[in-house]
Amino acid sequence: MQFLREKKMQQTIPQPKVEDGEEVTYEVTTAAVKRSVHLFSALQSIHGHWPAENSGPMYYIPPLVMSLYITGHLNTIFSREHRKEILRYIYCHQVINLYMYVYKFSYICIKRWIDN
């Protein structure tokens, strides 16, 4: 939250609310996504990463890759160069004593891209 204070971030997009039984519309979904992107843009450092006390890409990238693979958009979203750099990052940061959860996700991510 230090980044939010430093950047004096103000959330200008109102929070969409959906009541029980109410239909989720395109406008509500779009507003929620825009609000999320606005927040994550504010949290991103000038160097392009999101500083945190977790394993960062080792935790977030593999589920994204799996989701894109399942929906059939993996090769559309990530170019060949992006895949190469993400795989390089995962290879260089694999440690045997990682949390099994993260290690398993990294393995699946690598397997999906090597098989494609």
C-alpha atoms as a PDB file:
ATOM      1  CA  MET A   1       0.000   0.000   0.000  1.00  0.00           C
ATOM      2  CA  GLN A   2       3.089   2.204   0.151  1.00  0.00           C
ATOM      3  CA  PHE A   3       2.935   2.606  -3.631  1.00  0.00           C
ATOM      4  CA  LEU A   4      -0.658   3.786  -3.420  1.00  0.00           C
ATOM      5  CA  ARG A   5       0.334   6.452  -0.885  1.00  0.00           C
ATOM      6  CA  GLU A   6       3.391   7.530  -2.882  1.00  0.00           C
ATOM      7  CA  LYS A   7       1.390   7.845  -6.100  1.00  0.00           C
ATOM      8  CA  LYS A   8      -1.530   9.487  -4.260  1.00  0.00           C
ATOM      9  CA  MET A   9      -3.809   7.003  -5.984  1.00  0.00           C
ATOM     10  CA  GLN A  10      -7.509   7.796  -5.903  1.00  0.00           C
ATOM     11  CA  GLN A  11      -9.954   5.175  -7.165  1.00  0.00           C
ATOM     12  CA  THR A  12     -12.159   7.251  -9.482  1.00  0.00           C
ATOM     13  CA  ILE A  13     -14.146   4.366 -10.922  1.00  0.00           C
ATOM     14  CA  PRO A  14     -17.150   3.579  -8.694  1.00  0.00           C
ATOM     15  CA  GLN A  15     -17.425   0.074  -7.273  1.00  0.00           C
ATOM     16  CA  PRO A  16     -20.105  -1.883  -9.141  1.00  0.00           C
ATOM     17  CA  LYS A  17     -22.606  -3.679  -6.956  1.00  0.00           C
ATOM     18  CA  VAL A  18     -24.760  -6.624  -7.983  1.00  0.00           C
ATOM     19  CA  GLU A  19     -27.627  -7.594  -5.716  1.00  0.00           C
ATOM     20  CA  ASP A  20     -28.825 -11.175  -5.209  1.00  0.00           C
ATOM     21  CA  GLY A  21     -30.796 -12.354  -8.208  1.00  0.00           C
ATOM     22  CA  GLU A  22     -29.710  -9.370 -10.303  1.00  0.00           C
ATOM     23  CA  GLU A  23     -28.268 -10.104 -13.729  1.00  0.00           C
ATOM     24  CA  VAL A  24     -24.596  -9.285 -14.273  1.00  0.00           C
ATOM     25  CA  THR A  25     -24.415  -7.001 -17.294  1.00  0.00           C
ATOM     26  CA  TYR A  26     -21.599  -6.143 -19.658  1.00  0.00           C
ATOM     27  CA  GLU A  27     -21.373  -2.640 -18.176  1.00  0.00           C
ATOM     28  CA  VAL A  28     -21.011  -3.932 -14.599  1.00  0.00           C
ATOM     29  CA  THR A  29     -18.344  -6.426 -15.642  1.00  0.00           C
ATOM     30  CA  THR A  30     -16.448  -3.814 -17.648  1.00  0.00           C
ATOM     31  CA  ALA A  31     -16.518  -1.369 -14.725  1.00  0.00           C
ATOM     32  CA  ALA A  32     -15.159  -4.048 -12.364  1.00  0.00           C
ATOM     33  CA  VAL A  33     -12.334  -4.930 -14.754  1.00  0.00           C
ATOM     34  CA  LYS A  34     -11.448  -1.260 -15.324  1.00  0.00           C
ATOM     35  CA  ARG A  35     -11.417  -0.659 -11.568  1.00  0.00           C
ATOM     36  CA  SER A  36      -9.089  -3.649 -11.065  1.00  0.00           C
ATOM     37  CA  VAL A  37      -6.746  -2.570 -13.850  1.00  0.00           C
ATOM     38  CA  HIS A  38      -6.629   0.944 -12.385  1.00  0.00           C
ATOM     39  CA  LEU A  39      -5.628  -0.463  -8.985  1.00  0.00           C
ATOM     40  CA  PHE A  40      -2.990  -2.848 -10.349  1.00  0.00           C
ATOM     41  CA  SER A  41      -1.542  -0.088 -12.537  1.00  0.00           C
ATOM     42  CA  ALA A  42      -1.109   2.051  -9.427  1.00  0.00           C
ATOM     43  CA  LEU A  43       0.534  -0.838  -7.558  1.00  0.00           C
ATOM     44  CA  GLN A  44       3.055  -1.481 -10.344  1.00  0.00           C
ATOM     45  CA  SER A  45       6.533  -0.024  -9.803  1.00  0.00           C
ATOM     46  CA  ILE A  46       8.295   2.147 -12.370  1.00  0.00           C
ATOM     47  CA  HIS A  47      10.449  -0.894 -13.179  1.00  0.00           C
ATOM     48  CA  GLY A  48       7.419  -2.891 -14.299  1.00  0.00           C
ATOM     49  CA  HIS A  49       7.053  -5.347 -11.415  1.00  0.00           C
ATOM     50  CA  TRP A  50       4.598  -5.569  -8.539  1.00  0.00           C
ATOM     51  CA  PRO A  51       6.632  -5.560  -5.316  1.00  0.00           C
ATOM     52  CA  ALA A  52       5.293  -7.962  -2.726  1.00  0.00           C
ATOM     53  CA  GLU A  53       6.348 -10.403  -0.052  1.00  0.00           C
ATOM     54  CA  ASN A  54       5.351 -13.462  -2.046  1.00  0.00           C
ATOM     55  CA  SER A  55       6.813 -15.426  -4.909  1.00  0.00           C
ATOM     56  CA  GLY A  56       5.367 -13.053  -7.512  1.00  0.00           C
ATOM     57  CA  PRO A  57       5.464 -14.549 -10.993  1.00  0.00           C
ATOM     58  CA  MET A  58       6.179 -17.991  -9.573  1.00  0.00           C
ATOM     59  CA  TYR A  59       2.759 -17.805  -7.934  1.00  0.00           C
ATOM     60  CA  TYR A  60       0.667 -15.819 -10.431  1.00  0.00           C
ATOM     61  CA  ILE A  61       1.936 -16.745 -13.911  1.00  0.00           C
ATOM     62  CA  PRO A  62       1.300 -20.546 -13.884  1.00  0.00           C
ATOM     63  CA  PRO A  63      -2.445 -20.232 -13.089  1.00  0.00           C
ATOM     64  CA  LEU A  64      -2.720 -17.589 -15.816  1.00  0.00           C
ATOM     65  CA  VAL A  65      -1.002 -19.913 -18.289  1.00  0.00           C
ATOM     66  CA  MET A  66      -3.305 -22.792 -17.301  1.00  0.00           C
ATOM     67  CA  SER A  67      -6.406 -20.611 -17.696  1.00  0.00           C
ATOM     68  CA  LEU A  68      -5.309 -19.375 -21.108  1.00  0.00           C
ATOM     69  CA  TYR A  69      -4.445 -22.922 -22.178  1.00  0.00           C
ATOM     70  CA  ILE A  70      -7.874 -24.212 -21.131  1.00  0.00           C
ATOM     71  CA  THR A  71      -9.669 -21.399 -22.975  1.00  0.00           C
ATOM     72  CA  GLY A  72      -7.475 -21.834 -26.058  1.00  0.00           C
ATOM     73  CA  HIS A  73      -5.936 -18.344 -25.940  1.00  0.00           C
ATOM     74  CA  LEU A  74      -2.419 -19.208 -24.756  1.00  0.00           C
ATOM     75  CA  ASN A  75      -0.650 -18.541 -28.055  1.00  0.00           C
ATOM     76  CA  THR A  76      -2.789 -15.471 -28.726  1.00  0.00           C
ATOM     77  CA  ILE A  77      -1.897 -13.678 -25.488  1.00  0.00           C
ATOM     78  CA  PHE A  78       1.779 -14.616 -25.140  1.00  0.00           C
ATOM     79  CA  SER A  79       4.119 -14.163 -28.085  1.00  0.00           C
ATOM     80  CA  ARG A  80       7.010 -16.538 -28.674  1.00  0.00           C
ATOM     81  CA  GLU A  81       9.420 -14.064 -27.010  1.00  0.00           C
ATOM     82  CA  HIS A  82       7.169 -13.641 -23.958  1.00  0.00           C
ATOM     83  CA  ARG A  83       6.970 -17.417 -23.548  1.00  0.00           C
ATOM     84  CA  LYS A  84      10.740 -17.723 -23.831  1.00  0.00           C
ATOM     85  CA  GLU A  85      11.354 -15.072 -21.155  1.00  0.00           C
ATOM     86  CA  ILE A  86       8.728 -16.451 -18.761  1.00  0.00           C
ATOM     87  CA  LEU A  87      10.146 -19.963 -19.124  1.00  0.00           C
ATOM     88  CA  ARG A  88      13.656 -18.590 -18.544  1.00  0.00           C
ATOM     89  CA  TYR A  89      12.454 -16.861 -15.367  1.00  0.00           C
ATOM     90  CA  ILE A  90      10.808 -20.046 -14.085  1.00  0.00           C
ATOM     91  CA  TYR A  91      13.866 -22.191 -14.902  1.00  0.00           C
ATOM     92  CA  CYS A  92      16.213 -19.757 -13.124  1.00  0.00           C
ATOM     93  CA  HIS A  93      14.023 -19.490 -10.028  1.00  0.00           C
ATOM     94  CA  GLN A  94      13.123 -23.121  -9.477  1.00  0.00           C
ATOM     95  CA  VAL A  95      14.222 -24.168  -6.028  1.00  0.00           C
ATOM     96  CA  ILE A  96      13.591 -27.636  -4.639  1.00  0.00           C
ATOM     97  CA  ASN A  97      12.408 -26.338  -1.272  1.00  0.00           C
ATOM     98  CA  LEU A  98       9.743 -24.060  -2.759  1.00  0.00           C
ATOM     99  CA  TYR A  99       6.237 -24.501  -1.518  1.00  0.00           C
ATOM    100  CA  MET A 100       4.888 -27.611  -3.226  1.00  0.00           C
ATOM    101  CA  TYR A 101       1.906 -25.569  -4.438  1.00  0.00           C
ATOM    102  CA  VAL A 102       4.130 -23.148  -6.384  1.00  0.00           C
ATOM    103  CA  TYR A 103       6.458 -25.892  -7.591  1.00  0.00           C
ATOM    104  CA  LYS A 104       3.515 -27.890  -8.957  1.00  0.00           C
ATOM    105  CA  PHE A 105       2.118 -24.859 -10.789  1.00  0.00           C
ATOM    106  CA  SER A 106       5.525 -24.064 -12.287  1.00  0.00           C
ATOM    107  CA  TYR A 107       5.872 -27.629 -13.543  1.00  0.00           C
ATOM    108  CA  ILE A 108       2.426 -27.531 -15.180  1.00  0.00           C
ATOM    109  CA  CYS A 109       3.212 -24.163 -16.770  1.00  0.00           C
ATOM    110  CA  ILE A 110       6.455 -25.451 -18.263  1.00  0.00           C
ATOM    111  CA  LYS A 111       4.797 -28.672 -19.428  1.00  0.00           C
ATOM    112  CA  ARG A 112       1.976 -26.781 -21.218  1.00  0.00           C
ATOM    113  CA  TRP A 113       4.399 -24.618 -23.153  1.00  0.00           C
ATOM    114  CA  ILE A 114       6.821 -27.388 -24.032  1.00  0.00           C
ATOM    115  CA  ASP A 115       3.963 -29.584 -25.281  1.00  0.00           C
ATOM    116  CA  ASN A 116       2.564 -26.735 -27.427  1.00  0.00           C
END
